[in-house]
Amino acid sequence: MSEIINNKQMRIETMKNLIRQLHTGVDEESIKEQLGKILQSVDYSDVFIMENQLIEEGIPAESIRKLCDVHTRVLRQHLDLQLPTEAIEGHPIHTLRQENKEIQKRVDEAKTIISRVMDLKDSDISSFMNKLHKIFNDLTDIEKHYSKKENLIFPYFEKKNFTGPSKVMWGKDDEVREFMRNVLDVLSSGEQLNKEELIFFVNQAVIPALDAITEMIYKEEKIFLPMAKELLTEQEWYEVYLQTENIGYCLYVPSVEWQPEGGKHEIISEVTKLPGKIKLPTGSFTVEELMNIFNTMPFDLTFVDKDDIVRFFSEGPDRIFTRTKAILGRKVQNCHPPDSVHIVNKIISDFREGYQNRARFWINFHGRFVYIVYYAVRDEQGNYLGTLEVTQDLTELRELQGERRLLSYDN
């Protein structure tokens, strides 16, 4: 067994040395040739561990992300030999793989359409754009697929000290999102393109988006899902399964209920674990009362403690941003896309040092006007206890005019 472990680490060290050379600008073909000579076998865990160790050794996750496609291409001939990760229907792995198949179908449809772009007549362009628009509208469902990875599975990787690869993959997810936005901005604008403009749009926006989606499917199938199957326990997969409904499905819905080996695992209600009343200086609540007060409030709450750990979120019926129980106990920095972590760190640092007590943002989100405020939570002596995020949909409130003094119920 020790010989196997040593051989594995030797492979990882070899890959790390070659990837470091890519990082310093050595020619990709040269590295690929060296890998082909040295590595007789490589598996998904080698790649995952390699990325994690490189980040731990000081190469920024951003740099690894930029080289991610390159080192995947370099290792592709070895990864291609990996068998698919199998799971029974209803299991989260099976669901993610079926979603990938449906995503790839739409990608293939789009590629078939754009392969004919050079033969289009001016009168065909409008129909071409409409067909492409429909496919990319379907592909917006990819957000649910990525959200399940980021909000349900990544937390378990982080708990097992695999934080680096999660950041790298989340960053690659965000690249796909950006490509998708660029394509949909044009397709949704109603702008009439001539043939020259259309060909430029296809080459500069559509093809990169489709290629990025396909590349992510490959990384999931060959690296992420095999590693996830190895790392997560049946209990953890069941917790992922139970929370999947909160996010939804991407172009595929399983037709059977999944039951893990040994039957359903018991999930103990947090309410039953906290009996009695919670007494405060100005009154008291039962746990059930307090839970439902939080869930009735017309805004979403999330609390991060003084150690940057997510400790609580409310579960109102119309939550604006996805929250799942998997984020509890997770570093708040790991709950945000890599490109926005510096803002999170700035807010928390300013709160912790006492420079600020509030940070406000307002955005247009899916046609709604959303108001987001971060508050520093302090004790009576002013010591920092954590950060409270309050998110509210102000769309209807902004439209109010005049007064309402008489009772009138809103339906």
Protein backbone atom coordinates (compact mmCIF):
# COMPACT_ATOMS: atom_id res chain seq x y z
CA MET A 1 0.00 0.00 0.00
CA SER A 2 2.81 2.46 0.89
CA GLU A 3 4.37 1.81 -2.53
CA ILE A 4 1.08 2.75 -4.24
CA ILE A 5 0.82 5.92 -2.16
CA ASN A 6 4.43 6.85 -2.92
CA ASN A 7 3.92 6.24 -6.66
CA LYS A 8 0.81 8.37 -6.60
CA GLN A 9 2.57 11.27 -4.89
CA MET A 10 5.49 10.91 -7.30
CA ARG A 11 3.05 11.29 -10.21
CA ILE A 12 1.51 14.32 -8.54
CA GLU A 13 4.95 15.89 -7.94
CA THR A 14 5.86 15.27 -11.60
CA MET A 15 2.65 16.96 -12.75
CA LYS A 16 3.16 19.84 -10.31
CA ASN A 17 6.65 20.50 -11.63
CA LEU A 18 5.41 20.51 -15.21
CA ILE A 19 2.40 22.72 -14.38
CA ARG A 20 4.76 25.15 -12.63
CA GLN A 21 6.64 25.34 -15.91
CA LEU A 22 3.38 26.17 -17.70
CA HIS A 23 2.89 28.87 -15.05
CA THR A 24 6.25 30.38 -16.01
CA GLY A 25 5.43 30.33 -19.73
CA VAL A 26 7.06 27.14 -21.03
CA ASP A 27 5.55 25.96 -24.33
CA GLU A 28 2.45 23.80 -23.87
CA GLU A 29 3.48 21.25 -26.53
CA SER A 30 6.82 20.72 -24.80
CA ILE A 31 5.08 20.03 -21.49
CA LYS A 32 2.58 17.69 -23.15
CA GLU A 33 5.42 15.69 -24.70
CA GLN A 34 7.21 15.38 -21.34
CA LEU A 35 4.03 14.24 -19.62
CA GLY A 36 3.42 11.64 -22.29
CA LYS A 37 6.87 10.16 -21.70
CA ILE A 38 6.76 10.22 -17.91
CA LEU A 39 3.18 9.39 -16.99
CA GLN A 40 1.89 5.93 -17.77
CA SER A 41 -1.29 6.44 -15.75
CA VAL A 42 -3.10 9.28 -14.09
CA ASP A 43 -6.52 9.48 -12.48
CA TYR A 44 -8.99 12.16 -11.45
CA SER A 45 -7.73 12.34 -7.88
CA ASP A 46 -4.18 13.09 -9.09
CA VAL A 47 -5.46 16.21 -10.87
CA PHE A 48 -7.55 17.33 -7.91
CA ILE A 49 -4.78 16.79 -5.37
CA MET A 50 -2.26 18.48 -7.69
CA GLU A 51 -4.41 21.64 -7.93
CA ASN A 52 -4.97 21.70 -4.17
CA GLN A 53 -1.28 21.30 -3.36
CA LEU A 54 -0.20 23.95 -5.88
CA ILE A 55 -2.58 26.47 -4.31
CA GLU A 56 -1.42 25.51 -0.80
CA GLU A 57 2.17 26.05 -1.98
CA GLY A 58 1.46 29.59 -3.04
CA ILE A 59 0.32 29.63 -6.66
CA PRO A 60 -2.85 31.79 -6.65
CA ALA A 61 -6.14 30.06 -7.44
CA GLU A 62 -6.64 32.67 -10.16
CA SER A 63 -3.44 31.53 -11.88
CA ILE A 64 -4.48 27.89 -11.63
CA ARG A 65 -7.85 28.82 -13.11
CA LYS A 66 -6.18 30.54 -16.07
CA LEU A 67 -4.05 27.45 -16.67
CA CYS A 68 -6.91 25.03 -15.97
CA ASP A 69 -7.85 24.50 -19.62
CA VAL A 70 -4.19 24.17 -20.59
CA HIS A 71 -3.30 21.50 -18.07
CA THR A 72 -6.56 19.65 -18.79
CA ARG A 73 -5.56 19.55 -22.48
CA VAL A 74 -2.09 18.35 -21.50
CA LEU A 75 -3.54 15.52 -19.38
CA ARG A 76 -6.47 14.75 -21.67
CA GLN A 77 -5.06 11.58 -23.23
CA HIS A 78 -4.80 10.10 -19.73
CA LEU A 79 -8.14 11.42 -18.48
CA ASP A 80 -9.87 10.06 -21.58
CA LEU A 81 -9.19 6.56 -20.26
CA GLN A 82 -11.28 7.21 -17.12
CA LEU A 83 -14.58 5.31 -17.03
CA PRO A 84 -17.76 7.30 -16.31
CA THR A 85 -18.83 7.68 -12.70
CA GLU A 86 -21.91 5.51 -12.32
CA ALA A 87 -24.77 5.95 -9.87
CA ILE A 88 -28.37 4.76 -9.70
CA GLU A 89 -31.17 7.02 -10.90
CA GLY A 90 -32.11 9.70 -8.39
CA HIS A 91 -28.63 9.83 -6.84
CA PRO A 92 -27.22 13.38 -7.18
CA ILE A 93 -24.32 12.09 -9.32
CA HIS A 94 -26.72 10.41 -11.75
CA THR A 95 -28.80 13.59 -11.89
CA LEU A 96 -25.78 15.79 -12.59
CA ARG A 97 -24.61 13.44 -15.35
CA GLN A 98 -28.05 13.37 -16.97
CA GLU A 99 -28.14 17.16 -16.82
CA ASN A 100 -24.76 17.24 -18.56
CA LYS A 101 -26.15 15.03 -21.34
CA GLU A 102 -29.06 17.42 -21.86
CA ILE A 103 -26.75 20.44 -21.79
CA GLN A 104 -24.49 18.80 -24.39
CA LYS A 105 -27.51 18.09 -26.61
CA ARG A 106 -28.28 21.83 -26.73
CA VAL A 107 -24.63 22.62 -27.41
CA ASP A 108 -24.60 20.13 -30.30
CA GLU A 109 -27.82 21.62 -31.69
CA ALA A 110 -26.28 25.09 -31.58
CA LYS A 111 -23.11 23.88 -33.30
CA THR A 112 -25.16 22.27 -36.06
CA ILE A 113 -26.96 25.57 -36.64
CA ILE A 114 -23.83 27.74 -36.65
CA SER A 115 -22.02 25.35 -38.99
CA ARG A 116 -24.32 26.70 -41.72
CA VAL A 117 -23.72 30.39 -40.97
CA MET A 118 -21.51 30.92 -44.02
CA ASP A 119 -24.29 29.73 -46.35
CA LEU A 120 -26.99 32.02 -44.92
CA LYS A 121 -28.74 34.54 -47.08
CA ASP A 122 -29.70 37.91 -45.60
CA SER A 123 -33.32 36.81 -45.45
CA ASP A 124 -32.35 33.79 -43.29
CA ILE A 125 -30.55 35.72 -40.55
CA SER A 126 -33.62 36.51 -38.46
CA SER A 127 -34.72 32.85 -38.37
CA PHE A 128 -31.14 31.81 -37.55
CA MET A 129 -31.01 34.22 -34.60
CA ASN A 130 -34.38 33.01 -33.29
CA LYS A 131 -33.26 29.36 -33.33
CA LEU A 132 -30.03 30.24 -31.57
CA HIS A 133 -31.92 32.34 -29.03
CA LYS A 134 -34.19 29.42 -28.12
CA ILE A 135 -31.22 27.13 -27.53
CA PHE A 136 -29.43 29.66 -25.33
CA ASN A 137 -32.63 30.32 -23.41
CA ASP A 138 -32.69 26.58 -22.64
CA LEU A 139 -29.05 26.74 -21.62
CA THR A 140 -29.76 29.42 -18.99
CA ASP A 141 -30.94 26.45 -16.92
CA ILE A 142 -27.24 25.67 -16.51
CA GLU A 143 -27.30 28.07 -13.55
CA LYS A 144 -29.16 25.44 -11.50
CA HIS A 145 -26.55 22.82 -12.40
CA TYR A 146 -23.65 25.03 -11.36
CA SER A 147 -25.46 26.22 -8.24
CA LYS A 148 -25.84 22.63 -7.03
CA LYS A 149 -22.09 22.12 -7.37
CA GLU A 150 -21.20 25.39 -5.68
CA ASN A 151 -23.78 25.44 -2.87
CA LEU A 152 -24.36 21.77 -2.12
CA ILE A 153 -21.18 19.81 -2.98
CA PHE A 154 -18.29 22.29 -2.67
CA PRO A 155 -18.96 22.75 1.08
CA TYR A 156 -18.16 19.08 1.66
CA PHE A 157 -14.94 19.40 -0.33
CA GLU A 158 -13.96 22.33 1.87
CA LYS A 159 -14.74 20.43 5.07
CA LYS A 160 -12.31 17.77 3.85
CA ASN A 161 -9.64 20.43 3.14
CA PHE A 162 -10.04 20.51 -0.64
CA THR A 163 -10.66 24.23 -0.86
CA GLY A 164 -8.45 25.08 -3.84
CA PRO A 165 -10.07 23.03 -6.62
CA SER A 166 -13.52 24.31 -5.58
CA LYS A 167 -12.34 27.88 -6.10
CA VAL A 168 -10.80 27.00 -9.45
CA MET A 169 -13.96 25.30 -10.71
CA TRP A 170 -16.24 28.07 -9.42
CA GLY A 171 -14.08 30.54 -11.31
CA LYS A 172 -14.48 28.45 -14.48
CA ASP A 173 -18.25 28.34 -13.89
CA ASP A 174 -18.22 32.12 -13.76
CA GLU A 175 -16.39 32.24 -17.09
CA VAL A 176 -19.21 30.21 -18.64
CA ARG A 177 -21.76 32.57 -17.07
CA GLU A 178 -19.95 35.56 -18.59
CA PHE A 179 -19.85 33.93 -22.03
CA MET A 180 -23.56 33.18 -21.75
CA ARG A 181 -24.37 36.77 -20.78
CA ASN A 182 -22.42 38.11 -23.74
CA VAL A 183 -24.34 35.89 -26.16
CA LEU A 184 -27.76 36.53 -24.63
CA ASP A 185 -27.20 40.29 -24.50
CA VAL A 186 -27.02 40.29 -28.30
CA LEU A 187 -29.73 37.67 -28.90
CA SER A 188 -32.17 39.44 -26.53
CA SER A 189 -31.53 42.93 -27.85
CA GLY A 190 -33.49 42.41 -31.06
CA GLU A 191 -30.61 44.01 -32.93
CA GLN A 192 -30.59 43.19 -36.65
CA LEU A 193 -27.17 41.96 -37.72
CA ASN A 194 -25.91 41.79 -41.25
CA LYS A 195 -24.05 38.68 -42.36
CA GLU A 196 -20.60 40.06 -41.61
CA GLU A 197 -21.65 41.12 -38.11
CA LEU A 198 -23.33 37.75 -37.55
CA ILE A 199 -20.20 35.80 -38.49
CA PHE A 200 -18.14 37.99 -36.14
CA PHE A 201 -20.70 37.42 -33.34
CA VAL A 202 -20.65 33.65 -33.87
CA ASN A 203 -16.84 33.45 -33.88
CA GLN A 204 -16.20 35.85 -31.02
CA ALA A 205 -19.09 35.05 -28.66
CA VAL A 206 -21.17 31.98 -29.55
CA ILE A 207 -18.39 29.48 -30.25
CA PRO A 208 -16.35 30.45 -27.13
CA ALA A 209 -19.51 30.04 -25.01
CA LEU A 210 -20.30 26.59 -26.42
CA ASP A 211 -16.69 25.44 -26.10
CA ALA A 212 -16.52 26.62 -22.48
CA ILE A 213 -19.71 24.70 -21.63
CA THR A 214 -18.38 21.52 -23.24
CA GLU A 215 -15.04 21.91 -21.48
CA MET A 216 -16.79 22.21 -18.11
CA ILE A 217 -18.80 19.06 -18.81
CA TYR A 218 -15.51 17.25 -19.48
CA LYS A 219 -13.95 18.52 -16.23
CA GLU A 220 -17.00 17.44 -14.25
CA GLU A 221 -17.22 13.99 -15.82
CA LYS A 222 -13.50 13.21 -15.68
CA ILE A 223 -12.35 14.94 -12.52
CA PHE A 224 -15.04 16.52 -10.33
CA LEU A 225 -17.73 13.81 -10.15
CA PRO A 226 -15.32 10.87 -9.63
CA MET A 227 -13.63 12.81 -6.83
CA ALA A 228 -16.98 13.81 -5.32
CA LYS A 229 -18.14 10.19 -5.29
CA GLU A 230 -14.98 9.20 -3.46
CA LEU A 231 -15.05 12.02 -0.91
CA LEU A 232 -18.70 12.26 0.15
CA THR A 233 -20.35 9.69 2.41
CA GLU A 234 -23.82 8.25 1.77
CA GLN A 235 -25.16 10.50 4.54
CA GLU A 236 -23.65 13.56 2.88
CA TRP A 237 -25.03 12.57 -0.53
CA TYR A 238 -28.45 12.18 1.07
CA GLU A 239 -28.19 15.70 2.49
CA VAL A 240 -27.27 16.95 -1.00
CA TYR A 241 -30.23 15.04 -2.42
CA LEU A 242 -32.70 16.51 0.10
CA GLN A 243 -31.61 20.06 -0.68
CA THR A 244 -31.55 19.69 -4.46
CA GLU A 245 -35.25 20.61 -4.71
CA ASN A 246 -34.41 24.02 -3.22
CA ILE A 247 -32.29 24.82 -6.29
CA GLY A 248 -34.05 22.84 -9.01
CA TYR A 249 -33.02 20.77 -12.00
CA CYS A 250 -31.30 21.63 -15.28
CA LEU A 251 -33.17 20.32 -18.34
CA TYR A 252 -33.77 16.98 -16.60
CA VAL A 253 -35.87 15.78 -13.65
CA PRO A 254 -35.34 12.30 -12.16
CA SER A 255 -38.42 10.10 -12.32
CA VAL A 256 -37.69 8.10 -9.15
CA GLU A 257 -37.01 8.92 -5.53
CA TRP A 258 -33.50 8.02 -4.40
CA GLN A 259 -32.99 6.03 -1.22
CA PRO A 260 -29.40 5.56 -0.05
CA GLU A 261 -28.04 2.19 0.92
CA GLY A 262 -29.57 0.99 4.17
CA GLY A 263 -32.70 3.08 3.66
CA LYS A 264 -33.35 6.72 4.35
CA HIS A 265 -31.06 8.41 6.83
CA GLU A 266 -32.78 10.19 9.67
CA ILE A 267 -32.52 13.96 9.45
CA ILE A 268 -33.31 15.32 12.90
CA SER A 269 -35.28 18.57 12.91
CA GLU A 270 -33.35 21.46 14.41
CA VAL A 271 -36.54 22.41 16.28
CA THR A 272 -36.69 19.08 18.12
CA LYS A 273 -33.07 19.56 19.18
CA LEU A 274 -33.81 22.96 20.76
CA PRO A 275 -36.74 22.58 23.18
CA GLY A 276 -38.05 25.20 25.58
CA LYS A 277 -37.99 28.97 25.30
CA ILE A 278 -35.36 31.46 24.26
CA LYS A 279 -35.36 34.28 26.81
CA LEU A 280 -34.26 37.76 25.77
CA PRO A 281 -34.14 41.05 27.72
CA THR A 282 -37.40 42.23 26.16
CA GLY A 283 -39.33 38.95 26.02
CA SER A 284 -39.16 35.29 25.04
CA PHE A 285 -40.06 32.91 22.24
CA THR A 286 -40.45 29.22 21.78
CA VAL A 287 -38.02 27.90 19.17
CA GLU A 288 -40.93 27.26 16.79
CA GLU A 289 -42.22 30.82 17.21
CA LEU A 290 -38.79 32.34 16.60
CA MET A 291 -38.13 30.15 13.56
CA ASN A 292 -41.42 31.15 11.96
CA ILE A 293 -40.99 34.82 12.81
CA PHE A 294 -37.71 34.77 10.88
CA ASN A 295 -39.41 32.97 8.01
CA THR A 296 -42.29 35.47 7.93
CA MET A 297 -40.11 38.57 7.70
CA PRO A 298 -40.33 40.25 4.25
CA PHE A 299 -36.56 40.10 3.82
CA ASP A 300 -33.82 37.49 3.89
CA LEU A 301 -31.32 37.26 6.73
CA THR A 302 -27.92 35.58 6.80
CA PHE A 303 -25.58 35.76 9.80
CA VAL A 304 -21.80 35.24 9.61
CA ASP A 305 -19.98 35.02 12.95
CA LYS A 306 -16.77 36.77 14.02
CA ASP A 307 -14.68 33.92 12.56
CA ASP A 308 -16.28 34.39 9.11
CA ILE A 309 -18.37 31.21 9.46
CA VAL A 310 -21.96 31.15 8.15
CA ARG A 311 -24.13 30.30 11.17
CA PHE A 312 -27.74 31.08 10.18
CA PHE A 313 -30.07 32.03 7.36
CA SER A 314 -33.81 32.60 7.27
CA GLU A 315 -36.02 30.49 5.02
CA GLY A 316 -38.77 32.78 3.77
CA PRO A 317 -41.05 31.56 0.95
CA ASP A 318 -39.67 34.03 -1.61
CA ARG A 319 -35.94 33.94 -0.96
CA ILE A 320 -34.02 36.11 -3.43
CA PHE A 321 -30.66 34.33 -3.42
CA THR A 322 -30.18 30.59 -2.99
CA ARG A 323 -29.25 29.39 0.48
CA THR A 324 -28.91 25.72 1.41
CA LYS A 325 -28.08 24.10 4.74
CA ALA A 326 -24.78 22.95 3.26
CA ILE A 327 -23.42 26.50 3.71
CA LEU A 328 -23.82 26.35 7.51
CA GLY A 329 -20.41 26.03 9.09
CA ARG A 330 -18.79 27.15 5.84
CA LYS A 331 -16.37 30.07 5.46
CA VAL A 332 -18.31 32.96 3.96
CA GLN A 333 -15.48 33.60 1.47
CA ASN A 334 -16.18 30.14 0.01
CA CYS A 335 -19.85 31.01 -0.52
CA HIS A 336 -19.06 33.72 -3.07
CA PRO A 337 -17.67 33.62 -6.59
CA PRO A 338 -13.87 34.07 -6.55
CA ASP A 339 -14.11 37.38 -8.39
CA SER A 340 -16.12 38.97 -5.55
CA VAL A 341 -14.25 37.55 -2.54
CA HIS A 342 -12.08 40.68 -2.25
CA ILE A 343 -15.24 42.76 -1.64
CA VAL A 344 -16.41 40.33 1.07
CA ASN A 345 -12.99 40.50 2.75
CA LYS A 346 -12.97 44.30 2.59
CA ILE A 347 -16.37 44.60 4.25
CA ILE A 348 -15.54 42.14 7.02
CA SER A 349 -12.13 43.73 7.63
CA ASP A 350 -13.63 47.22 7.91
CA PHE A 351 -16.35 45.94 10.27
CA ARG A 352 -13.89 43.97 12.40
CA GLU A 353 -11.50 46.94 12.73
CA GLY A 354 -14.37 49.29 13.59
CA TYR A 355 -13.96 51.51 10.51
CA GLN A 356 -17.51 50.94 9.26
CA ASN A 357 -20.85 49.56 10.47
CA ARG A 358 -22.86 49.26 7.26
CA ALA A 359 -22.31 48.50 3.57
CA ARG A 360 -25.19 48.97 1.10
CA PHE A 361 -25.76 47.72 -2.44
CA TRP A 362 -28.72 47.77 -4.81
CA ILE A 363 -28.97 45.80 -8.03
CA ASN A 364 -31.42 44.79 -10.75
CA PHE A 365 -31.82 41.04 -10.46
CA HIS A 366 -34.14 39.09 -12.78
CA GLY A 367 -36.30 42.15 -13.28
CA ARG A 368 -36.50 42.98 -9.54
CA PHE A 369 -34.92 45.87 -7.64
CA VAL A 370 -32.95 44.20 -4.84
CA TYR A 371 -31.55 46.06 -1.82
CA ILE A 372 -28.68 44.38 0.05
CA VAL A 373 -27.25 45.70 3.32
CA TYR A 374 -24.46 44.29 5.47
CA TYR A 375 -24.47 45.31 9.14
CA ALA A 376 -21.71 44.91 11.69
CA VAL A 377 -23.09 43.11 14.75
CA ARG A 378 -21.47 44.29 17.99
CA ASP A 379 -21.91 43.72 21.72
CA GLU A 380 -22.51 46.50 24.26
CA GLN A 381 -18.77 47.20 24.42
CA GLY A 382 -18.53 47.52 20.64
CA ASN A 383 -16.72 44.22 20.11
CA TYR A 384 -17.31 42.68 16.69
CA LEU A 385 -19.56 39.60 16.83
CA GLY A 386 -20.21 39.07 13.13
CA THR A 387 -21.97 40.38 10.05
CA LEU A 388 -25.69 40.35 9.29
CA GLU A 389 -26.77 40.38 5.63
CA VAL A 390 -30.28 41.71 4.97
CA THR A 391 -31.66 41.33 1.44
CA GLN A 392 -35.02 42.75 0.35
CA ASP A 393 -37.01 43.00 -2.87
CA LEU A 394 -38.01 46.66 -3.07
CA THR A 395 -39.68 46.52 -6.48
CA GLU A 396 -43.23 47.06 -5.21
CA LEU A 397 -42.27 49.46 -2.43
CA ARG A 398 -40.61 51.79 -4.92
CA GLU A 399 -43.89 52.05 -6.81
CA LEU A 400 -45.97 53.19 -3.81
CA GLN A 401 -47.51 56.66 -4.03
CA GLY A 402 -49.85 58.76 -1.91
CA GLU A 403 -51.25 57.19 1.28
CA ARG A 404 -53.30 54.23 2.45
CA ARG A 405 -55.11 55.03 5.69
CA LEU A 406 -58.01 52.59 5.41
CA LEU A 407 -57.79 48.83 5.86
CA SER A 408 -57.33 47.04 2.58
CA TYR A 409 -55.88 43.56 2.20
CA ASP A 410 -53.49 42.82 -0.66
CA ASN A 411 -54.31 39.62 -2.51
